[in-house]
Amino acid sequence: SALRIEKRGAHLRLLYSAGPMKNAPFKEVGGTDFDFRPTYVAVFAIKGFVSESADVPVYVDAFSQSTSHDCHQ
């Protein structure tokens, strides 16, 4: 599974991908206008609302941060 957060101007999109293929397509889960300018980016994971679960290692294959210069916003 994969989670992707996109920010273009003041618009945020949350996209999720889960499928048997490595490059399964992303589907938009939600989006909203929220104007903020983050100084730092953090990635973290939580177990959720369960009393016990096995710890599973997480490996980040890639991380990119880019500035959008799309004039059609």
C-alpha atoms as a PDB file:
ATOM      1  CA  SER A   1       0.000   0.000   0.000  1.00  0.00           C
ATOM      2  CA  ALA A   2       1.082   3.583  -0.517  1.00  0.00           C
ATOM      3  CA  LEU A   3      -0.009   6.996   0.707  1.00  0.00           C
ATOM      4  CA  ARG A   4       0.571  10.183  -1.228  1.00  0.00           C
ATOM      5  CA  ILE A   5      -0.100  13.737  -0.121  1.00  0.00           C
ATOM      6  CA  GLU A   6      -0.029  16.450  -2.763  1.00  0.00           C
ATOM      7  CA  LYS A   7      -0.069  20.180  -2.078  1.00  0.00           C
ATOM      8  CA  ARG A   8      -0.575  22.677  -4.866  1.00  0.00           C
ATOM      9  CA  GLY A   9      -1.027  26.209  -3.680  1.00  0.00           C
ATOM     10  CA  ALA A  10      -3.585  26.003  -0.874  1.00  0.00           C
ATOM     11  CA  HIS A  11      -5.144  22.735  -2.119  1.00  0.00           C
ATOM     12  CA  LEU A  12      -4.236  19.438  -0.416  1.00  0.00           C
ATOM     13  CA  ARG A  13      -5.059  16.000  -1.844  1.00  0.00           C
ATOM     14  CA  LEU A  14      -4.765  12.687  -0.016  1.00  0.00           C
ATOM     15  CA  LEU A  15      -4.276   9.716  -2.339  1.00  0.00           C
ATOM     16  CA  TYR A  16      -4.102   6.020  -1.475  1.00  0.00           C
ATOM     17  CA  SER A  17      -2.971   2.994  -3.425  1.00  0.00           C
ATOM     18  CA  ALA A  18      -3.376  -0.647  -2.479  1.00  0.00           C
ATOM     19  CA  GLY A  19      -3.194  -3.426  -4.960  1.00  0.00           C
ATOM     20  CA  PRO A  20      -1.281  -6.504  -6.010  1.00  0.00           C
ATOM     21  CA  MET A  21       0.755  -4.589  -8.602  1.00  0.00           C
ATOM     22  CA  LYS A  22       3.804  -2.591  -7.534  1.00  0.00           C
ATOM     23  CA  ASN A  23       2.576   0.464  -9.477  1.00  0.00           C
ATOM     24  CA  ALA A  24      -1.121   0.242  -8.603  1.00  0.00           C
ATOM     25  CA  PRO A  25      -2.991   3.468  -9.406  1.00  0.00           C
ATOM     26  CA  PHE A  26      -3.622   6.076  -6.722  1.00  0.00           C
ATOM     27  CA  LYS A  27      -7.199   7.008  -5.830  1.00  0.00           C
ATOM     28  CA  GLU A  28      -8.097  10.308  -4.204  1.00  0.00           C
ATOM     29  CA  VAL A  29      -9.421   9.774  -0.686  1.00  0.00           C
ATOM     30  CA  GLY A  30     -10.052  13.426   0.062  1.00  0.00           C
ATOM     31  CA  GLY A  31      -9.048  16.963  -0.679  1.00  0.00           C
ATOM     32  CA  THR A  32      -9.436  20.381   0.850  1.00  0.00           C
ATOM     33  CA  ASP A  33      -8.134  23.915   0.683  1.00  0.00           C
ATOM     34  CA  PHE A  34      -5.798  24.551   3.582  1.00  0.00           C
ATOM     35  CA  ASP A  35      -3.275  27.355   3.312  1.00  0.00           C
ATOM     36  CA  PHE A  36      -0.115  26.655   5.283  1.00  0.00           C
ATOM     37  CA  ARG A  37       3.587  26.629   4.543  1.00  0.00           C
ATOM     38  CA  PRO A  38       5.311  23.732   6.290  1.00  0.00           C
ATOM     39  CA  THR A  39       8.915  24.124   7.377  1.00  0.00           C
ATOM     40  CA  TYR A  40       9.514  20.418   8.023  1.00  0.00           C
ATOM     41  CA  VAL A  41       8.194  17.131   6.666  1.00  0.00           C
ATOM     42  CA  ALA A  42       7.860  14.035   8.858  1.00  0.00           C
ATOM     43  CA  VAL A  43       6.841  10.493   8.006  1.00  0.00           C
ATOM     44  CA  PHE A  44       5.600   8.184  10.747  1.00  0.00           C
ATOM     45  CA  ALA A  45       3.436   5.111  11.278  1.00  0.00           C
ATOM     46  CA  ILE A  46       1.184   3.965  14.108  1.00  0.00           C
ATOM     47  CA  LYS A  47      -0.347   0.611  14.935  1.00  0.00           C
ATOM     48  CA  GLY A  48      -3.876   1.916  15.226  1.00  0.00           C
ATOM     49  CA  PHE A  49      -6.553   1.033  17.759  1.00  0.00           C
ATOM     50  CA  VAL A  50      -5.556  -2.532  18.622  1.00  0.00           C
ATOM     51  CA  SER A  51      -4.396  -3.894  21.959  1.00  0.00           C
ATOM     52  CA  GLU A  52      -1.646  -6.046  20.452  1.00  0.00           C
ATOM     53  CA  SER A  53      -0.076  -6.431  17.051  1.00  0.00           C
ATOM     54  CA  ALA A  54       3.219  -7.541  15.617  1.00  0.00           C
ATOM     55  CA  ASP A  55       5.842  -4.931  14.856  1.00  0.00           C
ATOM     56  CA  VAL A  56       6.457  -4.819  11.121  1.00  0.00           C
ATOM     57  CA  PRO A  57       9.495  -3.056   9.680  1.00  0.00           C
ATOM     58  CA  VAL A  58       8.752  -0.292   7.208  1.00  0.00           C
ATOM     59  CA  TYR A  59      11.102   0.611   4.389  1.00  0.00           C
ATOM     60  CA  VAL A  60      10.825   3.884   2.490  1.00  0.00           C
ATOM     61  CA  ASP A  61      11.796   3.294  -1.129  1.00  0.00           C
ATOM     62  CA  ALA A  62      11.559   6.896  -2.212  1.00  0.00           C
ATOM     63  CA  PHE A  63      10.705  10.370  -1.006  1.00  0.00           C
ATOM     64  CA  SER A  64      10.532  13.465  -3.135  1.00  0.00           C
ATOM     65  CA  GLN A  65       9.537  17.021  -2.528  1.00  0.00           C
ATOM     66  CA  SER A  66       9.037  19.312  -5.466  1.00  0.00           C
ATOM     67  CA  THR A  67       7.629  22.713  -6.222  1.00  0.00           C
ATOM     68  CA  SER A  68       4.788  22.925  -8.699  1.00  0.00           C
ATOM     69  CA  HIS A  69       5.173  25.641 -11.335  1.00  0.00           C
ATOM     70  CA  ASP A  70       1.847  24.888 -12.966  1.00  0.00           C
ATOM     71  CA  CYS A  71       0.313  28.172 -14.103  1.00  0.00           C
ATOM     72  CA  HIS A  72      -3.150  26.532 -14.485  1.00  0.00           C
ATOM     73  CA  GLN A  73      -3.889  26.328 -10.746  1.00  0.00           C
END
